[in-house]
Amino acid sequence: MIGIDLVKISRMKDMIDRFGERALNRFLCDEEILHVKNHKTAAGLWAAKEACSKALGTGIGSKCGFHDINIYKTPKGAPKLRLSKHLIDDFNIIDTSVSITHDGEYAIAVVAIESSSPTDKI
């Protein structure tokens, strides 16, 4: 399953300027907020979470919330996904990949999710 999302960076800047840390708390956990360097970084994280929810086929909503998806960095700085147990179980997820990029006024993310049959759960 594959999902993609595009975020206009100025939209994220406006949201942060207007609501401050409350805006970040809406879609990021405390650990993720520590990695936010600026509104461009925040836009990339938003795009990654939206792309993940699209790969699941649900979008952000009752079956998959922003806080069900956690983004962290490897020691080399590559983004990785950590999903809630209920997402892993409900969608039989065995692996994920994420890529985040920024170009001009946009942040773009792509997520690939590999799932298995219910008998091959993680």
PDB file of N, CA and C in Angstrom:
ATOM      1  N   MET A   1       0.840  -1.152   0.000  1.00  0.00           N
ATOM      2  CA  MET A   1       0.000   0.000   0.000  1.00  0.00           C
ATOM      3  C   MET A   1       0.902   1.237   0.000  1.00  0.00           C
ATOM      4  N   ILE A   2       0.534   2.227  -0.782  1.00  0.00           N
ATOM      5  CA  ILE A   2       1.340   3.437  -0.914  1.00  0.00           C
ATOM      6  C   ILE A   2       0.458   4.659  -0.691  1.00  0.00           C
ATOM      7  N   GLY A   3       1.010   5.658   0.012  1.00  0.00           N
ATOM      8  CA  GLY A   3       0.319   6.924   0.218  1.00  0.00           C
ATOM      9  C   GLY A   3       1.279   8.070  -0.019  1.00  0.00           C
ATOM     10  N   ILE A   4       0.755   9.200  -0.464  1.00  0.00           N
ATOM     11  CA  ILE A   4       1.563  10.392  -0.720  1.00  0.00           C
ATOM     12  C   ILE A   4       0.794  11.613  -0.227  1.00  0.00           C
ATOM     13  N   ASP A   5       1.528  12.631   0.235  1.00  0.00           N
ATOM     14  CA  ASP A   5       0.884  13.871   0.635  1.00  0.00           C
ATOM     15  C   ASP A   5       1.805  15.043   0.338  1.00  0.00           C
ATOM     16  N   LEU A   6       1.187  16.175   0.062  1.00  0.00           N
ATOM     17  CA  LEU A   6       1.869  17.424  -0.282  1.00  0.00           C
ATOM     18  C   LEU A   6       1.317  18.508   0.630  1.00  0.00           C
ATOM     19  N   VAL A   7       2.197  19.268   1.281  1.00  0.00           N
ATOM     20  CA  VAL A   7       1.775  20.334   2.187  1.00  0.00           C
ATOM     21  C   VAL A   7       2.456  21.631   1.775  1.00  0.00           C
ATOM     22  N   LYS A   8       1.692  22.688   1.671  1.00  0.00           N
ATOM     23  CA  LYS A   8       2.270  24.001   1.416  1.00  0.00           C
ATOM     24  C   LYS A   8       2.869  24.503   2.733  1.00  0.00           C
ATOM     25  N   ILE A   9       4.157  24.765   2.735  1.00  0.00           N
ATOM     26  CA  ILE A   9       4.880  25.113   3.959  1.00  0.00           C
ATOM     27  C   ILE A   9       4.298  26.375   4.599  1.00  0.00           C
ATOM     28  N   SER A  10       3.864  27.335   3.816  1.00  0.00           N
ATOM     29  CA  SER A  10       3.305  28.568   4.384  1.00  0.00           C
ATOM     30  C   SER A  10       2.032  28.295   5.179  1.00  0.00           C
ATOM     31  N   ARG A  11       1.293  27.266   4.800  1.00  0.00           N
ATOM     32  CA  ARG A  11       0.093  26.885   5.552  1.00  0.00           C
ATOM     33  C   ARG A  11       0.472  26.414   6.955  1.00  0.00           C
ATOM     34  N   MET A  12       1.553  25.637   7.053  1.00  0.00           N
ATOM     35  CA  MET A  12       2.033  25.179   8.356  1.00  0.00           C
ATOM     36  C   MET A  12       2.554  26.361   9.173  1.00  0.00           C
ATOM     37  N   LYS A  13       3.259  27.271   8.524  1.00  0.00           N
ATOM     38  CA  LYS A  13       3.779  28.457   9.216  1.00  0.00           C
ATOM     39  C   LYS A  13       2.632  29.271   9.801  1.00  0.00           C
ATOM     40  N   ASP A  14       1.593  29.480   9.019  1.00  0.00           N
ATOM     41  CA  ASP A  14       0.426  30.231   9.493  1.00  0.00           C
ATOM     42  C   ASP A  14      -0.223  29.548  10.695  1.00  0.00           C
ATOM     43  N   MET A  15      -0.335  28.229  10.650  1.00  0.00           N
ATOM     44  CA  MET A  15      -0.952  27.485  11.743  1.00  0.00           C
ATOM     45  C   MET A  15      -0.116  27.619  13.020  1.00  0.00           C
ATOM     46  N   ILE A  16       1.201  27.500  12.895  1.00  0.00           N
ATOM     47  CA  ILE A  16       2.083  27.616  14.063  1.00  0.00           C
ATOM     48  C   ILE A  16       2.092  29.052  14.589  1.00  0.00           C
ATOM     49  N   ASP A  17       2.129  30.026  13.690  1.00  0.00           N
ATOM     50  CA  ASP A  17       2.087  31.434  14.114  1.00  0.00           C
ATOM     51  C   ASP A  17       0.802  31.738  14.873  1.00  0.00           C
ATOM     52  N   ARG A  18      -0.275  31.153  14.437  1.00  0.00           N
ATOM     53  CA  ARG A  18      -1.582  31.442  15.041  1.00  0.00           C
ATOM     54  C   ARG A  18      -1.794  30.703  16.364  1.00  0.00           C
ATOM     55  N   PHE A  19      -1.414  29.410  16.409  1.00  0.00           N
ATOM     56  CA  PHE A  19      -1.737  28.584  17.574  1.00  0.00           C
ATOM     57  C   PHE A  19      -0.529  28.155  18.404  1.00  0.00           C
ATOM     58  N   GLY A  20       0.683  28.439  17.930  1.00  0.00           N
ATOM     59  CA  GLY A  20       1.887  28.086  18.684  1.00  0.00           C
ATOM     60  C   GLY A  20       2.040  26.596  18.894  1.00  0.00           C
ATOM     61  N   GLU A  21       2.493  26.226  20.091  1.00  0.00           N
ATOM     62  CA  GLU A  21       2.756  24.810  20.372  1.00  0.00           C
ATOM     63  C   GLU A  21       1.478  23.977  20.361  1.00  0.00           C
ATOM     64  N   ARG A  22       0.330  24.604  20.600  1.00  0.00           N
ATOM     65  CA  ARG A  22      -0.944  23.867  20.503  1.00  0.00           C
ATOM     66  C   ARG A  22      -1.128  23.265  19.123  1.00  0.00           C
ATOM     67  N   ALA A  23      -0.670  23.977  18.097  1.00  0.00           N
ATOM     68  CA  ALA A  23      -0.765  23.461  16.724  1.00  0.00           C
ATOM     69  C   ALA A  23       0.067  22.200  16.584  1.00  0.00           C
ATOM     70  N   LEU A  24       1.269  22.220  17.132  1.00  0.00           N
ATOM     71  CA  LEU A  24       2.140  21.047  17.046  1.00  0.00           C
ATOM     72  C   LEU A  24       1.577  19.885  17.850  1.00  0.00           C
ATOM     73  N   ASN A  25       1.034  20.174  19.037  1.00  0.00           N
ATOM     74  CA  ASN A  25       0.458  19.112  19.878  1.00  0.00           C
ATOM     75  C   ASN A  25      -0.719  18.423  19.212  1.00  0.00           C
ATOM     76  N   ARG A  26      -1.353  19.100  18.285  1.00  0.00           N
ATOM     77  CA  ARG A  26      -2.504  18.514  17.584  1.00  0.00           C
ATOM     78  C   ARG A  26      -2.101  17.266  16.797  1.00  0.00           C
ATOM     79  N   PHE A  27      -0.874  17.276  16.231  1.00  0.00           N
ATOM     80  CA  PHE A  27      -0.501  16.156  15.369  1.00  0.00           C
ATOM     81  C   PHE A  27       0.830  15.501  15.722  1.00  0.00           C
ATOM     82  N   LEU A  28       1.545  16.027  16.703  1.00  0.00           N
ATOM     83  CA  LEU A  28       2.840  15.462  17.086  1.00  0.00           C
ATOM     84  C   LEU A  28       2.868  15.095  18.568  1.00  0.00           C
ATOM     85  N   CYS A  29       3.627  14.047  18.905  1.00  0.00           N
ATOM     86  CA  CYS A  29       3.861  13.723  20.308  1.00  0.00           C
ATOM     87  C   CYS A  29       5.052  14.564  20.797  1.00  0.00           C
ATOM     88  N   ASP A  30       5.293  14.546  22.093  1.00  0.00           N
ATOM     89  CA  ASP A  30       6.367  15.357  22.679  1.00  0.00           C
ATOM     90  C   ASP A  30       7.730  15.051  22.053  1.00  0.00           C
ATOM     91  N   GLU A  31       8.018  13.775  21.824  1.00  0.00           N
ATOM     92  CA  GLU A  31       9.299  13.375  21.222  1.00  0.00           C
ATOM     93  C   GLU A  31       9.453  13.957  19.815  1.00  0.00           C
ATOM     94  N   GLU A  32       8.382  13.941  19.040  1.00  0.00           N
ATOM     95  CA  GLU A  32       8.422  14.487  17.685  1.00  0.00           C
ATOM     96  C   GLU A  32       8.619  15.998  17.700  1.00  0.00           C
ATOM     97  N   ILE A  33       7.979  16.676  18.642  1.00  0.00           N
ATOM     98  CA  ILE A  33       8.096  18.131  18.737  1.00  0.00           C
ATOM     99  C   ILE A  33       9.556  18.531  18.962  1.00  0.00           C
ATOM    100  N   LEU A  34      10.317  17.717  19.684  1.00  0.00           N
ATOM    101  CA  LEU A  34      11.735  18.006  19.921  1.00  0.00           C
ATOM    102  C   LEU A  34      12.534  18.042  18.615  1.00  0.00           C
ATOM    103  N   HIS A  35      12.058  17.343  17.581  1.00  0.00           N
ATOM    104  CA  HIS A  35      12.762  17.291  16.295  1.00  0.00           C
ATOM    105  C   HIS A  35      12.361  18.424  15.348  1.00  0.00           C
ATOM    106  N   VAL A  36      11.330  19.184  15.720  1.00  0.00           N
ATOM    107  CA  VAL A  36      10.865  20.268  14.854  1.00  0.00           C
ATOM    108  C   VAL A  36      11.835  21.441  14.975  1.00  0.00           C
ATOM    109  N   LYS A  37      12.518  21.738  13.872  1.00  0.00           N
ATOM    110  CA  LYS A  37      13.462  22.855  13.839  1.00  0.00           C
ATOM    111  C   LYS A  37      12.776  24.138  13.392  1.00  0.00           C
ATOM    112  N   ASN A  38      11.757  24.000  12.542  1.00  0.00           N
ATOM    113  CA  ASN A  38      11.044  25.154  12.000  1.00  0.00           C
ATOM    114  C   ASN A  38       9.749  24.670  11.347  1.00  0.00           C
ATOM    115  N   HIS A  39       9.029  25.584  10.742  1.00  0.00           N
ATOM    116  CA  HIS A  39       7.751  25.221  10.118  1.00  0.00           C
ATOM    117  C   HIS A  39       7.928  24.274   8.934  1.00  0.00           C
ATOM    118  N   LYS A  40       9.117  24.278   8.289  1.00  0.00           N
ATOM    119  CA  LYS A  40       9.364  23.348   7.173  1.00  0.00           C
ATOM    120  C   LYS A  40       9.426  21.905   7.679  1.00  0.00           C
ATOM    121  N   THR A  41      10.127  21.719   8.801  1.00  0.00           N
ATOM    122  CA  THR A  41      10.204  20.383   9.404  1.00  0.00           C
ATOM    123  C   THR A  41       8.817  19.909   9.813  1.00  0.00           C
ATOM    124  N   ALA A  42       8.054  20.788  10.439  1.00  0.00           N
ATOM    125  CA  ALA A  42       6.700  20.435  10.876  1.00  0.00           C
ATOM    126  C   ALA A  42       5.830  20.045   9.677  1.00  0.00           C
ATOM    127  N   ALA A  43       5.944  20.776   8.586  1.00  0.00           N
ATOM    128  CA  ALA A  43       5.161  20.455   7.384  1.00  0.00           C
ATOM    129  C   ALA A  43       5.522  19.074   6.852  1.00  0.00           C
ATOM    130  N   GLY A  44       6.796  18.722   6.893  1.00  0.00           N
ATOM    131  CA  GLY A  44       7.221  17.397   6.443  1.00  0.00           C
ATOM    132  C   GLY A  44       6.644  16.292   7.305  1.00  0.00           C
ATOM    133  N   LEU A  45       6.596  16.515   8.625  1.00  0.00           N
ATOM    134  CA  LEU A  45       6.031  15.510   9.525  1.00  0.00           C
ATOM    135  C   LEU A  45       4.529  15.363   9.302  1.00  0.00           C
ATOM    136  N   TRP A  46       3.846  16.490   9.097  1.00  0.00           N
ATOM    137  CA  TRP A  46       2.403  16.442   8.789  1.00  0.00           C
ATOM    138  C   TRP A  46       2.178  15.626   7.509  1.00  0.00           C
ATOM    139  N   ALA A  47       2.967  15.916   6.476  1.00  0.00           N
ATOM    140  CA  ALA A  47       2.815  15.215   5.198  1.00  0.00           C
ATOM    141  C   ALA A  47       3.050  13.717   5.369  1.00  0.00           C
ATOM    142  N   ALA A  48       4.032  13.347   6.182  1.00  0.00           N
ATOM    143  CA  ALA A  48       4.332  11.922   6.390  1.00  0.00           C
ATOM    144  C   ALA A  48       3.177  11.214   7.087  1.00  0.00           C
ATOM    145  N   LYS A  49       2.594  11.847   8.073  1.00  0.00           N
ATOM    146  CA  LYS A  49       1.476  11.223   8.778  1.00  0.00           C
ATOM    147  C   LYS A  49       0.247  11.102   7.867  1.00  0.00           C
ATOM    148  N   GLU A  50      -0.015  12.136   7.084  1.00  0.00           N
ATOM    149  CA  GLU A  50      -1.123  12.068   6.134  1.00  0.00           C
ATOM    150  C   GLU A  50      -0.869  10.979   5.084  1.00  0.00           C
ATOM    151  N   ALA A  51       0.363  10.892   4.587  1.00  0.00           N
ATOM    152  CA  ALA A  51       0.693   9.868   3.592  1.00  0.00           C
ATOM    153  C   ALA A  51       0.511   8.470   4.172  1.00  0.00           C
ATOM    154  N   CYS A  52       0.886   8.294   5.426  1.00  0.00           N
ATOM    155  CA  CYS A  52       0.720   6.993   6.082  1.00  0.00           C
ATOM    156  C   CYS A  52      -0.764   6.636   6.181  1.00  0.00           C
ATOM    157  N   SER A  53      -1.577   7.586   6.592  1.00  0.00           N
ATOM    158  CA  SER A  53      -3.010   7.302   6.723  1.00  0.00           C
ATOM    159  C   SER A  53      -3.642   6.988   5.368  1.00  0.00           C
ATOM    160  N   LYS A  54      -3.138   7.621   4.324  1.00  0.00           N
ATOM    161  CA  LYS A  54      -3.636   7.336   2.973  1.00  0.00           C
ATOM    162  C   LYS A  54      -3.188   5.955   2.502  1.00  0.00           C
ATOM    163  N   ALA A  55      -1.970   5.561   2.872  1.00  0.00           N
ATOM    164  CA  ALA A  55      -1.498   4.216   2.516  1.00  0.00           C
ATOM    165  C   ALA A  55      -2.369   3.156   3.185  1.00  0.00           C
ATOM    166  N   LEU A  56      -2.850   3.461   4.380  1.00  0.00           N
ATOM    167  CA  LEU A  56      -3.742   2.529   5.073  1.00  0.00           C
ATOM    168  C   LEU A  56      -5.135   2.511   4.451  1.00  0.00           C
ATOM    169  N   GLY A  57      -5.453   3.546   3.677  1.00  0.00           N
ATOM    170  CA  GLY A  57      -6.757   3.631   3.035  1.00  0.00           C
ATOM    171  C   GLY A  57      -7.829   4.241   3.921  1.00  0.00           C
ATOM    172  N   THR A  58      -7.417   4.888   5.028  1.00  0.00           N
ATOM    173  CA  THR A  58      -8.395   5.437   5.958  1.00  0.00           C
ATOM    174  C   THR A  58      -8.404   6.955   5.998  1.00  0.00           C
ATOM    175  N   GLY A  59      -7.266   7.577   5.750  1.00  0.00           N
ATOM    176  CA  GLY A  59      -7.120   8.995   6.035  1.00  0.00           C
ATOM    177  C   GLY A  59      -7.074   9.174   7.540  1.00  0.00           C
ATOM    178  N   ILE A  60      -6.839  10.412   7.982  1.00  0.00           N
ATOM    179  CA  ILE A  60      -6.842  10.698   9.412  1.00  0.00           C
ATOM    180  C   ILE A  60      -8.290  10.769   9.872  1.00  0.00           C
ATOM    181  N   GLY A  61      -8.613   9.998  10.897  1.00  0.00           N
ATOM    182  CA  GLY A  61      -9.991   9.953  11.403  1.00  0.00           C
ATOM    183  C   GLY A  61     -10.091   8.983  12.553  1.00  0.00           C
ATOM    184  N   SER A  62     -11.239   8.337  12.674  1.00  0.00           N
ATOM    185  CA  SER A  62     -11.485   7.461  13.821  1.00  0.00           C
ATOM    186  C   SER A  62     -10.638   6.188  13.798  1.00  0.00           C
ATOM    187  N   LYS A  63     -10.299   5.681  12.628  1.00  0.00           N
ATOM    188  CA  LYS A  63      -9.509   4.443  12.549  1.00  0.00           C
ATOM    189  C   LYS A  63      -8.012   4.690  12.643  1.00  0.00           C
ATOM    190  N   CYS A  64      -7.579   5.905  12.331  1.00  0.00           N
ATOM    191  CA  CYS A  64      -6.161   6.246  12.346  1.00  0.00           C
ATOM    192  C   CYS A  64      -6.017   7.726  12.679  1.00  0.00           C
ATOM    193  N   GLY A  65      -5.522   8.007  13.871  1.00  0.00           N
ATOM    194  CA  GLY A  65      -5.307   9.389  14.282  1.00  0.00           C
ATOM    195  C   GLY A  65      -3.849   9.785  14.117  1.00  0.00           C
ATOM    196  N   PHE A  66      -3.597  11.091  14.159  1.00  0.00           N
ATOM    197  CA  PHE A  66      -2.220  11.581  14.049  1.00  0.00           C
ATOM    198  C   PHE A  66      -1.301  10.929  15.087  1.00  0.00           C
ATOM    199  N   HIS A  67      -1.812  10.702  16.305  1.00  0.00           N
ATOM    200  CA  HIS A  67      -0.971  10.173  17.376  1.00  0.00           C
ATOM    201  C   HIS A  67      -0.806   8.650  17.307  1.00  0.00           C
ATOM    202  N   ASP A  68      -1.460   8.004  16.350  1.00  0.00           N
ATOM    203  CA  ASP A  68      -1.210   6.578  16.093  1.00  0.00           C
ATOM    204  C   ASP A  68       0.047   6.380  15.254  1.00  0.00           C
ATOM    205  N   ILE A  69       0.554   7.463  14.693  1.00  0.00           N
ATOM    206  CA  ILE A  69       1.729   7.429  13.815  1.00  0.00           C
ATOM    207  C   ILE A  69       2.816   8.279  14.453  1.00  0.00           C
ATOM    208  N   ASN A  70       3.954   7.666  14.735  1.00  0.00           N
ATOM    209  CA  ASN A  70       5.073   8.377  15.335  1.00  0.00           C
ATOM    210  C   ASN A  70       6.240   8.336  14.366  1.00  0.00           C
ATOM    211  N   ILE A  71       6.870   9.476  14.166  1.00  0.00           N
ATOM    212  CA  ILE A  71       8.019   9.560  13.259  1.00  0.00           C
ATOM    213  C   ILE A  71       9.264   9.831  14.086  1.00  0.00           C
ATOM    214  N   TYR A  72      10.281   9.021  13.878  1.00  0.00           N
ATOM    215  CA  TYR A  72      11.551   9.212  14.569  1.00  0.00           C
ATOM    216  C   TYR A  72      12.663   9.124  13.548  1.00  0.00           C
ATOM    217  N   LYS A  73      13.871   9.412  13.971  1.00  0.00           N
ATOM    218  CA  LYS A  73      15.032   9.399  13.056  1.00  0.00           C
ATOM    219  C   LYS A  73      15.988   8.279  13.435  1.00  0.00           C
ATOM    220  N   THR A  74      16.594   7.661  12.430  1.00  0.00           N
ATOM    221  CA  THR A  74      17.658   6.691  12.667  1.00  0.00           C
ATOM    222  C   THR A  74      18.915   7.468  13.078  1.00  0.00           C
ATOM    223  N   PRO A  75      19.941   6.781  13.560  1.00  0.00           N
ATOM    224  CA  PRO A  75      21.184   7.493  13.894  1.00  0.00           C
ATOM    225  C   PRO A  75      21.772   8.273  12.717  1.00  0.00           C
ATOM    226  N   LYS A  76      21.480   7.858  11.495  1.00  0.00           N
ATOM    227  CA  LYS A  76      21.971   8.574  10.312  1.00  0.00           C
ATOM    228  C   LYS A  76      21.022   9.678   9.862  1.00  0.00           C
ATOM    229  N   GLY A  77      19.888   9.837  10.564  1.00  0.00           N
ATOM    230  CA  GLY A  77      18.960  10.920  10.266  1.00  0.00           C
ATOM    231  C   GLY A  77      17.815  10.585   9.338  1.00  0.00           C
ATOM    232  N   ALA A  78      17.684   9.326   8.942  1.00  0.00           N
ATOM    233  CA  ALA A  78      16.576   8.934   8.063  1.00  0.00           C
ATOM    234  C   ALA A  78      15.284   8.811   8.875  1.00  0.00           C
ATOM    235  N   PRO A  79      14.164   9.265   8.319  1.00  0.00           N
ATOM    236  CA  PRO A  79      12.898   9.129   9.042  1.00  0.00           C
ATOM    237  C   PRO A  79      12.399   7.691   9.033  1.00  0.00           C
ATOM    238  N   LYS A  80      11.769   7.302  10.122  1.00  0.00           N
ATOM    239  CA  LYS A  80      11.168   5.970  10.259  1.00  0.00           C
ATOM    240  C   LYS A  80       9.810   6.143  10.923  1.00  0.00           C
ATOM    241  N   LEU A  81       8.930   5.167  10.721  1.00  0.00           N
ATOM    242  CA  LEU A  81       7.597   5.188  11.320  1.00  0.00           C
ATOM    243  C   LEU A  81       7.502   4.181  12.453  1.00  0.00           C
ATOM    244  N   ARG A  82       6.846   4.594  13.522  1.00  0.00           N
ATOM    245  CA  ARG A  82       6.478   3.703  14.617  1.00  0.00           C
ATOM    246  C   ARG A  82       4.964   3.827  14.738  1.00  0.00           C
ATOM    247  N   LEU A  83       4.254   2.726  14.518  1.00  0.00           N
ATOM    248  CA  LEU A  83       2.790   2.757  14.508  1.00  0.00           C
ATOM    249  C   LEU A  83       2.224   2.165  15.790  1.00  0.00           C
ATOM    250  N   SER A  84       1.028   2.616  16.151  1.00  0.00           N
ATOM    251  CA  SER A  84       0.363   2.088  17.340  1.00  0.00           C
ATOM    252  C   SER A  84       0.057   0.608  17.137  1.00  0.00           C
ATOM    253  N   LYS A  85      -0.054  -0.093  18.248  1.00  0.00           N
ATOM    254  CA  LYS A  85      -0.327  -1.530  18.196  1.00  0.00           C
ATOM    255  C   LYS A  85      -1.635  -1.811  17.466  1.00  0.00           C
ATOM    256  N   HIS A  86      -2.635  -0.971  17.686  1.00  0.00           N
ATOM    257  CA  HIS A  86      -3.919  -1.260  17.032  1.00  0.00           C
ATOM    258  C   HIS A  86      -3.811  -1.109  15.511  1.00  0.00           C
ATOM    259  N   LEU A  87      -2.990  -0.188  14.997  1.00  0.00           N
ATOM    260  CA  LEU A  87      -2.804  -0.099  13.544  1.00  0.00           C
ATOM    261  C   LEU A  87      -2.083  -1.338  13.023  1.00  0.00           C
ATOM    262  N   ILE A  88      -1.040  -1.741  13.725  1.00  0.00           N
ATOM    263  CA  ILE A  88      -0.283  -2.931  13.299  1.00  0.00           C
ATOM    264  C   ILE A  88      -1.204  -4.149  13.247  1.00  0.00           C
ATOM    265  N   ASP A  89      -2.012  -4.322  14.291  1.00  0.00           N
ATOM    266  CA  ASP A  89      -2.913  -5.475  14.354  1.00  0.00           C
ATOM    267  C   ASP A  89      -4.070  -5.371  13.356  1.00  0.00           C
ATOM    268  N   ASP A  90      -4.714  -4.211  13.294  1.00  0.00           N
ATOM    269  CA  ASP A  90      -5.884  -4.052  12.433  1.00  0.00           C
ATOM    270  C   ASP A  90      -5.549  -4.174  10.949  1.00  0.00           C
ATOM    271  N   PHE A  91      -4.339  -3.750  10.567  1.00  0.00           N
ATOM    272  CA  PHE A  91      -3.963  -3.744   9.155  1.00  0.00           C
ATOM    273  C   PHE A  91      -2.891  -4.779   8.823  1.00  0.00           C
ATOM    274  N   ASN A  92      -2.548  -5.633   9.789  1.00  0.00           N
ATOM    275  CA  ASN A  92      -1.577  -6.708   9.579  1.00  0.00           C
ATOM    276  C   ASN A  92      -0.253  -6.181   9.009  1.00  0.00           C
ATOM    277  N   ILE A  93       0.245  -5.112   9.579  1.00  0.00           N
ATOM    278  CA  ILE A  93       1.448  -4.445   9.068  1.00  0.00           C
ATOM    279  C   ILE A  93       2.699  -5.191   9.505  1.00  0.00           C
ATOM    280  N   ILE A  94       3.578  -5.442   8.532  1.00  0.00           N
ATOM    281  CA  ILE A  94       4.853  -6.077   8.863  1.00  0.00           C
ATOM    282  C   ILE A  94       6.048  -5.171   8.590  1.00  0.00           C
ATOM    283  N   ASP A  95       5.871  -4.129   7.766  1.00  0.00           N
ATOM    284  CA  ASP A  95       6.985  -3.217   7.503  1.00  0.00           C
ATOM    285  C   ASP A  95       6.457  -1.912   6.912  1.00  0.00           C
ATOM    286  N   THR A  96       7.220  -0.838   7.111  1.00  0.00           N
ATOM    287  CA  THR A  96       6.877   0.467   6.553  1.00  0.00           C
ATOM    288  C   THR A  96       8.133   1.148   6.034  1.00  0.00           C
ATOM    289  N   SER A  97       7.945   2.051   5.105  1.00  0.00           N
ATOM    290  CA  SER A  97       9.018   2.926   4.618  1.00  0.00           C
ATOM    291  C   SER A  97       8.431   4.316   4.447  1.00  0.00           C
ATOM    292  N   VAL A  98       9.246   5.335   4.729  1.00  0.00           N
ATOM    293  CA  VAL A  98       8.796   6.716   4.573  1.00  0.00           C
ATOM    294  C   VAL A  98       9.919   7.545   3.981  1.00  0.00           C
ATOM    295  N   SER A  99       9.551   8.476   3.122  1.00  0.00           N
ATOM    296  CA  SER A  99      10.499   9.432   2.567  1.00  0.00           C
ATOM    297  C   SER A  99       9.850  10.810   2.627  1.00  0.00           C
ATOM    298  N   ILE A 100      10.617  11.794   3.114  1.00  0.00           N
ATOM    299  CA  ILE A 100      10.135  13.167   3.238  1.00  0.00           C
ATOM    300  C   ILE A 100      11.108  14.067   2.489  1.00  0.00           C
ATOM    301  N   THR A 101      10.564  14.992   1.705  1.00  0.00           N
ATOM    302  CA  THR A 101      11.416  15.951   1.002  1.00  0.00           C
ATOM    303  C   THR A 101      10.748  17.320   1.005  1.00  0.00           C
ATOM    304  N   HIS A 102      11.558  18.324   0.776  1.00  0.00           N
ATOM    305  CA  HIS A 102      11.070  19.703   0.702  1.00  0.00           C
ATOM    306  C   HIS A 102      11.577  20.298  -0.603  1.00  0.00           C
ATOM    307  N   ASP A 103      10.704  21.031  -1.284  1.00  0.00           N
ATOM    308  CA  ASP A 103      11.102  21.718  -2.520  1.00  0.00           C
ATOM    309  C   ASP A 103      10.348  23.036  -2.579  1.00  0.00           C
ATOM    310  N   GLY A 104      11.083  24.112  -2.523  1.00  0.00           N
ATOM    311  CA  GLY A 104      10.454  25.424  -2.578  1.00  0.00           C
ATOM    312  C   GLY A 104       9.469  25.604  -1.450  1.00  0.00           C
ATOM    313  N   GLU A 105       8.226  25.843  -1.804  1.00  0.00           N
ATOM    314  CA  GLU A 105       7.172  26.096  -0.818  1.00  0.00           C
ATOM    315  C   GLU A 105       6.420  24.846  -0.386  1.00  0.00           C
ATOM    316  N   TYR A 106       6.938  23.659  -0.703  1.00  0.00           N
ATOM    317  CA  TYR A 106       6.198  22.439  -0.412  1.00  0.00           C
ATOM    318  C   TYR A 106       7.025  21.407   0.341  1.00  0.00           C
ATOM    319  N   ALA A 107       6.328  20.644   1.182  1.00  0.00           N
ATOM    320  CA  ALA A 107       6.880  19.451   1.821  1.00  0.00           C
ATOM    321  C   ALA A 107       6.094  18.270   1.253  1.00  0.00           C
ATOM    322  N   ILE A 108       6.804  17.220   0.900  1.00  0.00           N
ATOM    323  CA  ILE A 108       6.189  16.059   0.261  1.00  0.00           C
ATOM    324  C   ILE A 108       6.643  14.810   1.002  1.00  0.00           C
ATOM    325  N   ALA A 109       5.720  13.874   1.200  1.00  0.00           N
ATOM    326  CA  ALA A 109       6.068  12.610   1.842  1.00  0.00           C
ATOM    327  C   ALA A 109       5.388  11.458   1.117  1.00  0.00           C
ATOM    328  N   VAL A 110       6.110  10.342   1.076  1.00  0.00           N
ATOM    329  CA  VAL A 110       5.584   9.102   0.506  1.00  0.00           C
ATOM    330  C   VAL A 110       5.780   8.009   1.549  1.00  0.00           C
ATOM    331  N   VAL A 111       4.753   7.185   1.728  1.00  0.00           N
ATOM    332  CA  VAL A 111       4.823   6.068   2.666  1.00  0.00           C
ATOM    333  C   VAL A 111       4.413   4.794   1.945  1.00  0.00           C
ATOM    334  N   ALA A 112       5.194   3.742   2.156  1.00  0.00           N
ATOM    335  CA  ALA A 112       4.846   2.404   1.658  1.00  0.00           C
ATOM    336  C   ALA A 112       4.648   1.502   2.874  1.00  0.00           C
ATOM    337  N   ILE A 113       3.584   0.731   2.839  1.00  0.00           N
ATOM    338  CA  ILE A 113       3.268  -0.184   3.937  1.00  0.00           C
ATOM    339  C   ILE A 113       3.138  -1.589   3.371  1.00  0.00           C
ATOM    340  N   GLU A 114       3.813  -2.512   4.019  1.00  0.00           N
ATOM    341  CA  GLU A 114       3.707  -3.921   3.651  1.00  0.00           C
ATOM    342  C   GLU A 114       2.872  -4.631   4.722  1.00  0.00           C
ATOM    343  N   SER A 115       1.858  -5.347   4.270  1.00  0.00           N
ATOM    344  CA  SER A 115       1.014  -6.079   5.214  1.00  0.00           C
ATOM    345  C   SER A 115       1.015  -7.557   4.852  1.00  0.00           C
ATOM    346  N   SER A 116       0.552  -8.347   5.801  1.00  0.00           N
ATOM    347  CA  SER A 116       0.516  -9.802   5.613  1.00  0.00           C
ATOM    348  C   SER A 116      -0.879 -10.322   5.893  1.00  0.00           C
ATOM    349  N   SER A 117      -1.034 -11.616   5.750  1.00  0.00           N
ATOM    350  CA  SER A 117      -2.302 -12.229   6.139  1.00  0.00           C
ATOM    351  C   SER A 117      -2.417 -12.187   7.663  1.00  0.00           C
ATOM    352  N   PRO A 118      -3.615 -12.302   8.208  1.00  0.00           N
ATOM    353  CA  PRO A 118      -3.781 -12.218   9.662  1.00  0.00           C
ATOM    354  C   PRO A 118      -2.958 -13.227  10.455  1.00  0.00           C
ATOM    355  N   THR A 119      -2.568 -14.329   9.850  1.00  0.00           N
ATOM    356  CA  THR A 119      -1.781 -15.336  10.578  1.00  0.00           C
ATOM    357  C   THR A 119      -0.289 -14.975  10.629  1.00  0.00           C
ATOM    358  N   ASP A 120       0.139 -13.992   9.862  1.00  0.00           N
ATOM    359  CA  ASP A 120       1.542 -13.617   9.828  1.00  0.00           C
ATOM    360  C   ASP A 120       1.781 -12.255  10.489  1.00  0.00           C
ATOM    361  N   LYS A 121       1.099 -11.972  11.577  1.00  0.00           N
ATOM    362  CA  LYS A 121       1.240 -10.695  12.271  1.00  0.00           C
ATOM    363  C   LYS A 121       2.642 -10.551  12.843  1.00  0.00           C
ATOM    364  N   ILE A 122       3.001  -9.319  13.089  1.00  0.00           N
ATOM    365  CA  ILE A 122       4.295  -9.017  13.726  1.00  0.00           C
ATOM    366  C   ILE A 122       4.291  -9.605  15.109  1.00  0.00           C
TER     367      ILE A 122
END
